[in-house]
Amino acid sequence: MTTEDPQVSIHDVARRARVSIGTVSNVLNRPEIVSAPTARRVRAAIEELGWTPSGRPRRAAGRLETIGIVLRDSSPARAALLEGVRERLEPTEVEALSLFTGADPRRVQRALSAIERLGVQSVLLESGPETDGLAESMLGRGMSVVILGATTSPRVSSVAADEHAQVRLAVEHLLDGGRSRIALIGDQRDPDAGARELEIARHTVVAAGGDPDGVLVTHAVRGDDEAAGTSAVEFLLDRRVRLDGLVLGDDSAATGAIAALAAAGVTVPAQIAVVGRHDLGPAAALGITTVRTPLRGIGYQAADLLLAQRRSGRVVQVAQQFPVELVVRATAP
């Protein structure tokens, strides 16, 4: 029997894997109830025979046809990640299935389950609450997973920016410019990331000889787009929070923050300096000081790592970290 045989069926998969047809069905539809060795054997049989649940043959045995990409949203930053992934996939026959879930672990779980039911066995997963556990569970079922962002798992591969340097460079720059009351604006959808950033910022202030309790203010809003930046500034100004520096997690949020400051009659950077992150296209046009993050490169490298792991069949933990750099512009000279 060849992989181009249109008569390949679920019966052939079950026979090759030495399991029942019901077990094959469970691997596709209820993978959590199948042991990891059995699931790997069934998936290996599916790859070898080129079978799909629809009965249509795959293009080639062992060749990956689709990868799943699970991200929070389609913001400009995540669009840049996707550009990198697509650039890596361009010369291959691999397609990408992108799902946007927000940061709710339940929605992420549902998206991953849907991807698995479709027979997709390789996933790029944005880091967030509980994603390490979800990724480890998928690895146990014979899938390939690479985290986009930070991970603390000793088993899951990841590709991320240097998170420590992102925060440190932004805070150091504001302190060097004489700023003494800096607000860190985080995304409430990912409280763990906010806690890590605050810890890094505190260490940075201490290293500069300051008191982090007196220098740093934190505020979390839902999201990292323009509306989130606007909301953060309006909240802080309404409560007359004293500040002369802002660090936001995204250029879009920085754009919204600058607009809100202008509407309130606050001058940037004379009264409040603003630093964003990522350095997407609009940042340069608007003169936003940023911590440049190579998002396309991260997406490209994550896709490359995922393809390599899937085709080799080896589960090897690889943690790759991209350097970042400060780009100083008019909002925080």
Foldseek 3Di string as FASTA:
>chain_A
DQLQPLQDDLVQLCVQLVHDSVVLLCLQQPVVVDFQVSLQSSLLSCQRNQQFNVSHGHPHRLDAAEEEEEEADCDPLVVLLVLLQCVLCVVDNHYYHYDHQHLPVVSVVVVVSVCSNRVHQFYEYEDAPPVQVVQVSSVSNLGAYEYDDDDPDPQHAYEYAPLLCQLLVQLVLCVVVVWQAEEEEAAPSHVVSVVVSLVSNCVSQVVVVHHSVRHYHYDYDHDQALVSLLVVLVVCVVVPPQGLEYEGAAVRSQVNVVVNCVVVVHDFNVRHAYEYEQPDDVCVVVFHKYWHDNSSNRSNVRSVVRSVCSSVSDRDHHYHYHYIHIDHTRRRD
